Structures are given as structure tokens and as C-alpha cells.
């Protein structure tokens, strides 16, 4: 984007950075657009072990570990202020129903991530929907209190642009 250097007090990239081949260059350029001390907010897919055909179909280049996301942000000139997992309850289903079938070559990569698969993924039986709602409420409380969630299928990060 053609923003003036050091003109933005904050920026957000929600489920974006994983779609960029050269994430380090993108983040360095973004850092240059932020005022010193400006905040960068992002979410990214977590846990490289959960990589699946759906990630490839979605155009992801990577899933991030906490350490990996923190490292690329530090290299770009940011200080990580808060980094947490979320969607903790989805870790097991994504592992069992996406990542494992991909690793075992039980999934046709061409059909992964299609409309039918996405619709099936987002429908929950009533019993599970209630459990998911309780999990989301617990996670929201953690996020509001800035308590880290130990893991999840996504990461949420708040980083501050260092003075350069």
C-alpha cells in the first residue's frame, strides 16, 4: 500500500500473513509504515504439525509456531507484546480429520477445501455446538484478561513497532 512512511498508528492482518510467500519482507515493509511504537495485530494458522491439504488449497505458505511467528516479527523490527493460541478445542478435530488424512494420503488435494468440504466443516451437531460455545466463551475471557491460551489452531499476536 502506498501509505506514507511512519504514518499508521496501527495495522491489522487477520489470516493474511500465511498467504504471503515472503512474510519477512512484508512485515519489514509494514513496520516502516507504522509510527514508532505503533501496534500490529494479526492472526495466523498455528501448529505446523496441523498442515493439511486444506492449507495448500487455501493458498497458505505455512502454519506458524509461536517461536516462528515471534522470530519473524522480531527480525522485522517488532517487539511481541502478546502472543496466544486460540480455537484450542479445534486442535484435535483438525489433527484427526485434516492433518492425519493428508499425511496418510487419504485425501485428494484437488477436492480439499472445496465448497462441500467447507460446509461440512462448519456444521456442528447441537451437542458439539454447545461445547464449542462454552470453549469460545472461556477463550474470550482469556483474551480479555491477556492470559495466554496454551495452544490452538490459530495464533493471535499483538506486536509493537520498535523505534528504528
N, C-alpha and C. Protein backbone atom coordinates (compact mmCIF):
# COMPACT_ATOMS: atom_id res chain seq x y z
N UNK A 1 0.85 -1.18 0.00
CA UNK A 1 0.00 0.00 0.00
C UNK A 1 0.89 1.24 0.00
N UNK A 2 0.39 2.29 -0.53
CA UNK A 2 1.18 3.50 -0.69
C UNK A 2 0.96 4.47 0.47
N UNK A 3 1.06 3.99 1.70
CA UNK A 3 0.96 4.88 2.85
C UNK A 3 2.29 5.60 3.03
N UNK A 4 2.23 6.79 3.60
CA UNK A 4 3.47 7.50 3.91
C UNK A 4 4.22 6.72 4.98
N UNK A 5 5.54 6.67 4.89
CA UNK A 5 6.31 6.00 5.93
C UNK A 5 6.00 6.59 7.31
N UNK A 6 5.92 5.69 8.28
CA UNK A 6 5.68 6.07 9.68
C UNK A 6 4.41 6.90 9.86
N UNK A 7 3.34 6.53 9.15
CA UNK A 7 2.10 7.30 9.22
C UNK A 7 0.95 6.57 9.89
N UNK A 8 1.10 5.26 10.12
CA UNK A 8 -0.02 4.50 10.67
C UNK A 8 0.18 4.22 12.16
N UNK A 9 -0.82 4.53 12.99
CA UNK A 9 -0.69 4.21 14.41
C UNK A 9 -0.90 2.72 14.69
N UNK A 10 -1.57 2.03 13.79
CA UNK A 10 -1.85 0.60 13.98
C UNK A 10 -2.19 -0.03 12.64
N UNK A 11 -1.99 -1.34 12.57
CA UNK A 11 -2.37 -2.09 11.37
C UNK A 11 -2.77 -3.49 11.82
N UNK A 12 -3.60 -4.11 11.02
CA UNK A 12 -4.03 -5.47 11.31
C UNK A 12 -3.97 -6.33 10.06
N UNK A 13 -3.64 -7.59 10.26
CA UNK A 13 -3.63 -8.57 9.17
C UNK A 13 -4.19 -9.87 9.76
N UNK A 14 -5.44 -10.11 9.50
CA UNK A 14 -6.13 -11.24 10.12
C UNK A 14 -6.28 -12.36 9.09
N UNK A 15 -5.54 -13.44 9.31
CA UNK A 15 -5.46 -14.57 8.39
C UNK A 15 -5.00 -14.11 7.01
N UNK A 16 -3.91 -13.34 7.00
CA UNK A 16 -3.33 -12.79 5.78
C UNK A 16 -1.88 -13.24 5.61
N UNK A 17 -1.05 -13.11 6.65
CA UNK A 17 0.40 -13.27 6.54
C UNK A 17 0.77 -14.65 6.00
N UNK A 18 0.01 -15.67 6.34
CA UNK A 18 0.31 -17.02 5.86
C UNK A 18 0.14 -17.16 4.35
N UNK A 19 -0.54 -16.22 3.72
CA UNK A 19 -0.75 -16.23 2.27
C UNK A 19 0.37 -15.53 1.51
N UNK A 20 1.33 -14.97 2.22
CA UNK A 20 2.40 -14.18 1.61
C UNK A 20 3.68 -15.01 1.61
N UNK A 21 4.22 -15.24 0.42
CA UNK A 21 5.41 -16.10 0.30
C UNK A 21 6.57 -15.56 1.12
N UNK A 22 6.85 -14.27 1.02
CA UNK A 22 7.97 -13.67 1.74
C UNK A 22 7.41 -12.86 2.91
N UNK A 23 7.04 -13.55 3.96
CA UNK A 23 6.43 -12.90 5.11
C UNK A 23 7.38 -11.89 5.77
N UNK A 24 8.69 -12.19 5.79
CA UNK A 24 9.65 -11.30 6.44
C UNK A 24 9.70 -9.94 5.75
N UNK A 25 9.74 -9.93 4.43
CA UNK A 25 9.76 -8.66 3.69
C UNK A 25 8.47 -7.89 3.90
N UNK A 26 7.35 -8.58 3.84
CA UNK A 26 6.05 -7.94 4.08
C UNK A 26 6.04 -7.27 5.45
N UNK A 27 6.50 -7.98 6.48
CA UNK A 27 6.46 -7.44 7.83
C UNK A 27 7.45 -6.28 8.01
N UNK A 28 8.59 -6.34 7.37
CA UNK A 28 9.55 -5.21 7.41
C UNK A 28 8.93 -3.97 6.76
N UNK A 29 8.27 -4.17 5.63
CA UNK A 29 7.63 -3.03 4.95
C UNK A 29 6.50 -2.46 5.81
N UNK A 30 5.73 -3.33 6.41
CA UNK A 30 4.66 -2.89 7.29
C UNK A 30 5.24 -2.10 8.46
N UNK A 31 6.33 -2.60 9.03
CA UNK A 31 6.99 -1.90 10.14
C UNK A 31 7.33 -0.47 9.73
N UNK A 32 7.80 -0.29 8.51
CA UNK A 32 8.16 1.04 8.02
C UNK A 32 6.98 1.98 7.86
N UNK A 33 5.77 1.45 7.78
CA UNK A 33 4.57 2.27 7.66
C UNK A 33 4.03 2.70 9.01
N UNK A 34 4.42 2.00 10.07
CA UNK A 34 3.89 2.29 11.41
C UNK A 34 4.71 3.38 12.09
N UNK A 35 4.02 4.20 12.87
CA UNK A 35 4.73 5.17 13.69
C UNK A 35 5.54 4.39 14.73
N UNK A 36 6.65 4.94 15.22
CA UNK A 36 7.37 4.24 16.29
C UNK A 36 6.43 3.96 17.47
N UNK A 37 6.42 2.74 17.91
CA UNK A 37 5.50 2.33 18.97
C UNK A 37 4.14 1.92 18.47
N UNK A 38 3.89 2.03 17.15
CA UNK A 38 2.61 1.62 16.59
C UNK A 38 2.38 0.13 16.78
N UNK A 39 1.14 -0.27 16.80
CA UNK A 39 0.80 -1.67 17.05
C UNK A 39 0.43 -2.39 15.76
N UNK A 40 0.82 -3.66 15.73
CA UNK A 40 0.44 -4.57 14.65
C UNK A 40 -0.31 -5.73 15.30
N UNK A 41 -1.51 -5.98 14.80
CA UNK A 41 -2.37 -7.05 15.28
C UNK A 41 -2.51 -8.08 14.18
N UNK A 42 -2.33 -9.35 14.50
CA UNK A 42 -2.50 -10.37 13.46
C UNK A 42 -3.00 -11.68 14.03
N UNK A 43 -3.62 -12.44 13.15
CA UNK A 43 -3.93 -13.84 13.42
C UNK A 43 -3.36 -14.64 12.27
N UNK A 44 -2.88 -15.84 12.61
CA UNK A 44 -2.31 -16.76 11.61
C UNK A 44 -2.67 -18.18 12.01
N UNK A 45 -2.66 -19.12 11.08
CA UNK A 45 -2.87 -20.51 11.44
C UNK A 45 -1.68 -21.01 12.26
N UNK A 46 -1.96 -21.81 13.26
CA UNK A 46 -0.94 -22.29 14.19
C UNK A 46 -0.62 -23.75 13.96
N UNK A 47 0.50 -24.13 14.52
CA UNK A 47 0.91 -25.53 14.64
C UNK A 47 1.23 -26.15 13.28
N UNK A 48 2.49 -26.06 12.88
CA UNK A 48 2.89 -26.67 11.60
C UNK A 48 2.50 -28.14 11.46
N UNK A 49 2.40 -28.86 12.58
CA UNK A 49 2.00 -30.27 12.53
C UNK A 49 0.57 -30.44 12.03
N UNK A 50 -0.22 -29.38 12.04
CA UNK A 50 -1.61 -29.46 11.57
C UNK A 50 -1.73 -29.16 10.07
N UNK A 51 -0.59 -29.00 9.38
CA UNK A 51 -0.63 -28.72 7.95
C UNK A 51 -1.45 -29.79 7.24
N UNK A 52 -2.32 -29.36 6.33
CA UNK A 52 -3.17 -30.31 5.61
C UNK A 52 -3.39 -29.84 4.19
N UNK A 53 -4.05 -30.68 3.43
CA UNK A 53 -4.40 -30.33 2.05
C UNK A 53 -5.26 -29.07 2.01
N UNK A 54 -6.06 -28.84 3.05
CA UNK A 54 -6.89 -27.63 3.10
C UNK A 54 -6.02 -26.38 3.17
N UNK A 55 -4.89 -26.46 3.87
CA UNK A 55 -3.98 -25.31 3.90
C UNK A 55 -3.45 -25.02 2.50
N UNK A 56 -3.01 -26.05 1.82
CA UNK A 56 -2.48 -25.87 0.47
C UNK A 56 -3.55 -25.31 -0.45
N UNK A 57 -4.74 -25.84 -0.36
CA UNK A 57 -5.86 -25.40 -1.21
C UNK A 57 -6.21 -23.94 -0.92
N UNK A 58 -6.06 -23.53 0.34
CA UNK A 58 -6.39 -22.16 0.72
C UNK A 58 -5.30 -21.16 0.32
N UNK A 59 -4.16 -21.67 -0.17
CA UNK A 59 -3.09 -20.79 -0.58
C UNK A 59 -2.14 -20.40 0.54
N UNK A 60 -2.12 -21.20 1.59
CA UNK A 60 -1.20 -20.93 2.70
C UNK A 60 0.21 -21.37 2.31
N UNK A 61 1.19 -20.59 2.73
CA UNK A 61 2.59 -20.99 2.59
C UNK A 61 3.09 -21.69 3.84
N UNK A 62 2.43 -21.44 4.97
CA UNK A 62 2.91 -22.01 6.22
C UNK A 62 1.84 -21.90 7.30
N UNK A 63 2.05 -22.73 8.33
CA UNK A 63 1.40 -22.56 9.63
C UNK A 63 2.53 -22.16 10.57
N UNK A 64 2.24 -21.36 11.55
CA UNK A 64 3.28 -20.82 12.42
C UNK A 64 3.30 -21.50 13.79
N UNK A 65 4.49 -21.70 14.30
CA UNK A 65 4.66 -21.99 15.72
C UNK A 65 4.74 -20.64 16.42
N UNK A 66 4.56 -20.62 17.73
CA UNK A 66 4.71 -19.36 18.46
C UNK A 66 6.11 -18.79 18.25
N UNK A 67 7.11 -19.67 18.40
CA UNK A 67 8.50 -19.23 18.27
C UNK A 67 8.77 -18.70 16.86
N UNK A 68 8.22 -19.36 15.85
CA UNK A 68 8.43 -18.94 14.47
C UNK A 68 7.81 -17.58 14.18
N UNK A 69 6.59 -17.35 14.65
CA UNK A 69 5.94 -16.06 14.45
C UNK A 69 6.69 -14.97 15.20
N UNK A 70 7.05 -15.24 16.44
CA UNK A 70 7.78 -14.25 17.23
C UNK A 70 9.11 -13.91 16.57
N UNK A 71 9.80 -14.90 16.02
CA UNK A 71 11.10 -14.67 15.39
C UNK A 71 10.98 -13.80 14.15
N UNK A 72 10.02 -14.09 13.28
CA UNK A 72 9.89 -13.29 12.05
C UNK A 72 9.46 -11.86 12.39
N UNK A 73 8.67 -11.68 13.43
CA UNK A 73 8.28 -10.34 13.85
C UNK A 73 9.49 -9.58 14.44
N UNK A 74 10.28 -10.25 15.27
CA UNK A 74 11.49 -9.62 15.82
C UNK A 74 12.43 -9.19 14.71
N UNK A 75 12.65 -10.08 13.73
CA UNK A 75 13.53 -9.76 12.60
C UNK A 75 13.03 -8.56 11.80
N UNK A 76 11.72 -8.34 11.81
CA UNK A 76 11.13 -7.22 11.08
C UNK A 76 11.12 -5.94 11.90
N UNK A 77 11.57 -6.00 13.16
CA UNK A 77 11.65 -4.80 13.98
C UNK A 77 10.54 -4.63 14.99
N UNK A 78 9.83 -5.69 15.30
CA UNK A 78 8.74 -5.62 16.27
C UNK A 78 9.13 -6.25 17.61
N UNK A 79 8.47 -5.80 18.65
CA UNK A 79 8.52 -6.46 19.95
C UNK A 79 7.16 -7.09 20.18
N UNK A 80 7.13 -8.38 20.42
CA UNK A 80 5.86 -9.08 20.67
C UNK A 80 5.39 -8.74 22.08
N UNK A 81 4.18 -8.22 22.18
CA UNK A 81 3.60 -7.88 23.47
C UNK A 81 2.66 -8.96 23.99
N UNK A 82 1.99 -9.62 23.09
CA UNK A 82 1.04 -10.66 23.49
C UNK A 82 0.95 -11.66 22.35
N UNK A 83 1.08 -12.91 22.67
CA UNK A 83 1.02 -13.98 21.67
C UNK A 83 0.34 -15.17 22.31
N UNK A 84 -0.75 -15.61 21.72
CA UNK A 84 -1.52 -16.69 22.31
C UNK A 84 -2.13 -17.57 21.23
N UNK A 85 -2.37 -18.80 21.59
CA UNK A 85 -3.16 -19.67 20.74
C UNK A 85 -4.64 -19.36 20.94
N UNK A 86 -5.46 -19.78 20.02
CA UNK A 86 -6.91 -19.78 20.23
C UNK A 86 -7.54 -20.80 19.31
N UNK A 87 -8.80 -21.05 19.49
CA UNK A 87 -9.50 -22.19 18.90
C UNK A 87 -8.86 -23.49 19.38
N UNK A 88 -8.59 -23.52 20.68
CA UNK A 88 -7.97 -24.69 21.31
C UNK A 88 -8.78 -25.96 21.05
N UNK A 89 -10.07 -25.88 21.15
CA UNK A 89 -10.93 -27.07 21.02
C UNK A 89 -10.87 -27.66 19.62
N UNK A 90 -10.44 -26.89 18.62
CA UNK A 90 -10.39 -27.42 17.26
C UNK A 90 -9.11 -28.21 16.96
N UNK A 91 -8.12 -28.15 17.85
CA UNK A 91 -6.83 -28.78 17.57
C UNK A 91 -6.97 -30.27 17.29
N UNK A 92 -7.67 -30.99 18.13
CA UNK A 92 -7.83 -32.44 17.93
C UNK A 92 -8.62 -32.75 16.66
N UNK A 93 -9.79 -32.13 16.43
CA UNK A 93 -10.51 -32.43 15.18
C UNK A 93 -9.71 -32.08 13.92
N UNK A 94 -9.01 -30.96 13.91
CA UNK A 94 -8.22 -30.60 12.73
C UNK A 94 -7.09 -31.61 12.54
N UNK A 95 -6.47 -32.01 13.64
CA UNK A 95 -5.42 -33.02 13.54
C UNK A 95 -5.93 -34.34 13.01
N UNK A 96 -7.08 -34.79 13.54
CA UNK A 96 -7.61 -36.10 13.15
C UNK A 96 -8.27 -36.11 11.78
N UNK A 97 -8.98 -35.04 11.43
CA UNK A 97 -9.79 -35.07 10.22
C UNK A 97 -9.21 -34.30 9.04
N UNK A 98 -8.12 -33.55 9.27
CA UNK A 98 -7.46 -32.85 8.17
C UNK A 98 -6.01 -33.27 8.03
N UNK A 99 -5.23 -33.02 9.10
CA UNK A 99 -3.78 -33.26 9.00
C UNK A 99 -3.45 -34.73 8.83
N UNK A 100 -4.04 -35.60 9.63
CA UNK A 100 -3.73 -37.03 9.55
C UNK A 100 -4.11 -37.62 8.19
N UNK A 101 -5.32 -37.39 7.70
CA UNK A 101 -5.64 -37.92 6.37
C UNK A 101 -4.71 -37.38 5.27
N UNK A 102 -4.27 -36.13 5.41
CA UNK A 102 -3.32 -35.58 4.43
C UNK A 102 -2.01 -36.35 4.49
N UNK A 103 -1.50 -36.55 5.69
CA UNK A 103 -0.22 -37.27 5.86
C UNK A 103 -0.29 -38.71 5.37
N UNK A 104 -1.46 -39.32 5.53
CA UNK A 104 -1.64 -40.70 5.11
C UNK A 104 -2.08 -40.80 3.64
N UNK A 105 -2.13 -39.67 2.96
CA UNK A 105 -2.52 -39.61 1.54
C UNK A 105 -3.92 -40.19 1.31
N UNK A 106 -4.81 -39.92 2.25
CA UNK A 106 -6.19 -40.38 2.14
C UNK A 106 -7.12 -39.31 1.59
N UNK A 107 -6.54 -38.16 1.27
CA UNK A 107 -7.33 -37.02 0.81
C UNK A 107 -6.87 -36.65 -0.59
N UNK A 108 -7.82 -36.35 -1.44
CA UNK A 108 -7.50 -35.85 -2.77
C UNK A 108 -7.27 -34.34 -2.65
N UNK A 109 -6.02 -33.87 -2.80
CA UNK A 109 -5.74 -32.45 -2.62
C UNK A 109 -6.60 -31.55 -3.49
N UNK A 110 -7.01 -32.02 -4.65
CA UNK A 110 -7.83 -31.20 -5.55
C UNK A 110 -9.22 -30.95 -4.98
N UNK A 111 -9.74 -31.86 -4.17
CA UNK A 111 -11.09 -31.66 -3.62
C UNK A 111 -11.06 -31.04 -2.23
N UNK A 112 -9.89 -30.99 -1.61
CA UNK A 112 -9.79 -30.40 -0.27
C UNK A 112 -10.09 -28.92 -0.35
N UNK A 113 -10.82 -28.43 0.63
CA UNK A 113 -11.11 -27.01 0.68
C UNK A 113 -12.20 -26.56 -0.26
N UNK A 114 -12.86 -27.49 -0.94
CA UNK A 114 -13.97 -27.13 -1.82
C UNK A 114 -15.19 -26.70 -1.01
N UNK A 115 -16.19 -26.21 -1.70
CA UNK A 115 -17.39 -25.69 -1.04
C UNK A 115 -18.06 -26.75 -0.16
N UNK A 116 -18.18 -27.97 -0.67
CA UNK A 116 -18.86 -29.03 0.11
C UNK A 116 -18.07 -29.36 1.37
N UNK A 117 -16.75 -29.44 1.24
CA UNK A 117 -15.91 -29.73 2.40
C UNK A 117 -16.00 -28.62 3.43
N UNK A 118 -15.99 -27.38 2.97
CA UNK A 118 -16.07 -26.24 3.88
C UNK A 118 -17.42 -26.22 4.60
N UNK A 119 -18.50 -26.51 3.89
CA UNK A 119 -19.81 -26.54 4.54
C UNK A 119 -19.87 -27.64 5.58
N UNK A 120 -19.34 -28.80 5.26
CA UNK A 120 -19.34 -29.91 6.23
C UNK A 120 -18.51 -29.57 7.45
N UNK A 121 -17.40 -28.88 7.25
CA UNK A 121 -16.52 -28.49 8.36
C UNK A 121 -17.19 -27.52 9.31
N UNK A 122 -18.11 -26.72 8.82
CA UNK A 122 -18.69 -25.66 9.63
C UNK A 122 -20.07 -25.98 10.18
N UNK A 123 -20.49 -27.21 10.05
CA UNK A 123 -21.76 -27.65 10.64
C UNK A 123 -21.45 -28.50 11.85
N UNK A 124 -22.01 -28.15 12.98
CA UNK A 124 -21.79 -28.91 14.21
C UNK A 124 -23.11 -29.46 14.73
N UNK A 125 -23.11 -30.69 15.21
CA UNK A 125 -24.30 -31.19 15.91
C UNK A 125 -24.56 -30.32 17.13
N UNK A 126 -25.81 -30.25 17.56
CA UNK A 126 -26.20 -29.37 18.67
C UNK A 126 -25.34 -29.59 19.91
N UNK A 127 -25.04 -30.84 20.24
CA UNK A 127 -24.24 -31.13 21.43
C UNK A 127 -22.85 -30.49 21.30
N UNK A 128 -22.23 -30.63 20.15
CA UNK A 128 -20.90 -30.05 19.95
C UNK A 128 -20.96 -28.54 19.86
N UNK A 129 -22.04 -28.01 19.30
CA UNK A 129 -22.17 -26.55 19.20
C UNK A 129 -22.19 -25.93 20.60
N UNK A 130 -22.84 -26.57 21.53
CA UNK A 130 -22.85 -26.07 22.91
C UNK A 130 -21.48 -26.11 23.55
N UNK A 131 -20.76 -27.19 23.33
CA UNK A 131 -19.39 -27.31 23.85
C UNK A 131 -18.51 -26.24 23.22
N UNK A 132 -18.64 -26.06 21.91
CA UNK A 132 -17.84 -25.04 21.21
C UNK A 132 -18.14 -23.65 21.76
N UNK A 133 -19.40 -23.35 22.01
CA UNK A 133 -19.78 -22.04 22.54
C UNK A 133 -19.15 -21.82 23.92
N UNK A 134 -19.13 -22.85 24.77
CA UNK A 134 -18.51 -22.72 26.09
C UNK A 134 -17.00 -22.52 25.96
N UNK A 135 -16.38 -23.25 25.03
CA UNK A 135 -14.94 -23.08 24.79
C UNK A 135 -14.63 -21.67 24.30
N UNK A 136 -15.44 -21.17 23.39
CA UNK A 136 -15.22 -19.82 22.87
C UNK A 136 -15.38 -18.78 23.98
N UNK A 137 -16.36 -18.97 24.86
CA UNK A 137 -16.55 -18.03 25.97
C UNK A 137 -15.33 -18.04 26.89
N UNK A 138 -14.80 -19.24 27.19
CA UNK A 138 -13.60 -19.34 28.03
C UNK A 138 -12.42 -18.64 27.35
N UNK A 139 -12.23 -18.89 26.04
CA UNK A 139 -11.13 -18.26 25.32
C UNK A 139 -11.29 -16.74 25.30
N UNK A 140 -12.50 -16.25 25.09
CA UNK A 140 -12.73 -14.81 25.09
C UNK A 140 -12.32 -14.21 26.43
N UNK A 141 -12.66 -14.88 27.52
CA UNK A 141 -12.24 -14.41 28.84
C UNK A 141 -10.73 -14.36 28.98
N UNK A 142 -10.06 -15.38 28.47
CA UNK A 142 -8.58 -15.38 28.48
C UNK A 142 -8.04 -14.21 27.69
N UNK A 143 -8.57 -14.00 26.49
CA UNK A 143 -8.10 -12.92 25.63
C UNK A 143 -8.32 -11.56 26.29
N UNK A 144 -9.49 -11.37 26.89
CA UNK A 144 -9.79 -10.09 27.53
C UNK A 144 -8.86 -9.83 28.71
N UNK A 145 -8.45 -10.88 29.41
CA UNK A 145 -7.54 -10.76 30.54
C UNK A 145 -6.07 -10.83 30.12
N UNK A 146 -5.83 -10.98 28.81
CA UNK A 146 -4.48 -11.12 28.26
C UNK A 146 -3.73 -12.31 28.86
N UNK A 147 -4.49 -13.35 29.18
CA UNK A 147 -3.88 -14.61 29.62
C UNK A 147 -3.64 -15.46 28.38
N UNK A 148 -2.47 -16.08 28.28
CA UNK A 148 -2.22 -16.92 27.10
C UNK A 148 -3.01 -18.22 27.14
N UNK A 149 -3.42 -18.66 25.99
CA UNK A 149 -4.05 -19.96 25.81
C UNK A 149 -2.94 -20.87 25.30
N UNK A 150 -2.77 -22.04 25.90
CA UNK A 150 -1.56 -22.83 25.62
C UNK A 150 -1.35 -23.24 24.17
N UNK A 151 -2.42 -23.49 23.43
CA UNK A 151 -2.30 -23.87 22.03
C UNK A 151 -3.64 -23.70 21.37
N UNK A 152 -3.69 -23.94 20.08
CA UNK A 152 -4.92 -23.84 19.34
C UNK A 152 -4.59 -23.95 17.86
N UNK A 153 -5.61 -23.87 17.03
CA UNK A 153 -5.38 -23.96 15.59
C UNK A 153 -4.98 -22.63 14.99
N UNK A 154 -5.06 -21.56 15.77
CA UNK A 154 -4.67 -20.23 15.32
C UNK A 154 -3.86 -19.54 16.40
N UNK A 155 -3.11 -18.52 15.98
CA UNK A 155 -2.38 -17.66 16.90
C UNK A 155 -2.91 -16.24 16.75
N UNK A 156 -2.95 -15.52 17.85
CA UNK A 156 -3.28 -14.10 17.89
C UNK A 156 -2.07 -13.39 18.46
N UNK A 157 -1.63 -12.33 17.79
CA UNK A 157 -0.44 -11.62 18.23
C UNK A 157 -0.68 -10.12 18.21
N UNK A 158 -0.14 -9.45 19.24
CA UNK A 158 -0.05 -8.00 19.30
C UNK A 158 1.42 -7.68 19.39
N UNK A 159 1.93 -6.89 18.45
CA UNK A 159 3.34 -6.53 18.42
C UNK A 159 3.47 -5.01 18.30
N UNK A 160 4.55 -4.50 18.86
CA UNK A 160 4.83 -3.06 18.84
C UNK A 160 6.01 -2.80 17.91
N UNK A 161 5.88 -1.76 17.09
CA UNK A 161 6.97 -1.38 16.18
C UNK A 161 8.07 -0.69 16.98
N UNK A 162 9.25 -1.27 16.96
CA UNK A 162 10.40 -0.68 17.64
C UNK A 162 10.81 0.58 16.91
N UNK A 163 11.43 1.50 17.64
CA UNK A 163 12.00 2.69 17.02
C UNK A 163 13.24 2.24 16.27
N UNK A 164 13.32 2.60 15.00
CA UNK A 164 14.50 2.15 14.22
C UNK A 164 15.35 3.30 13.77
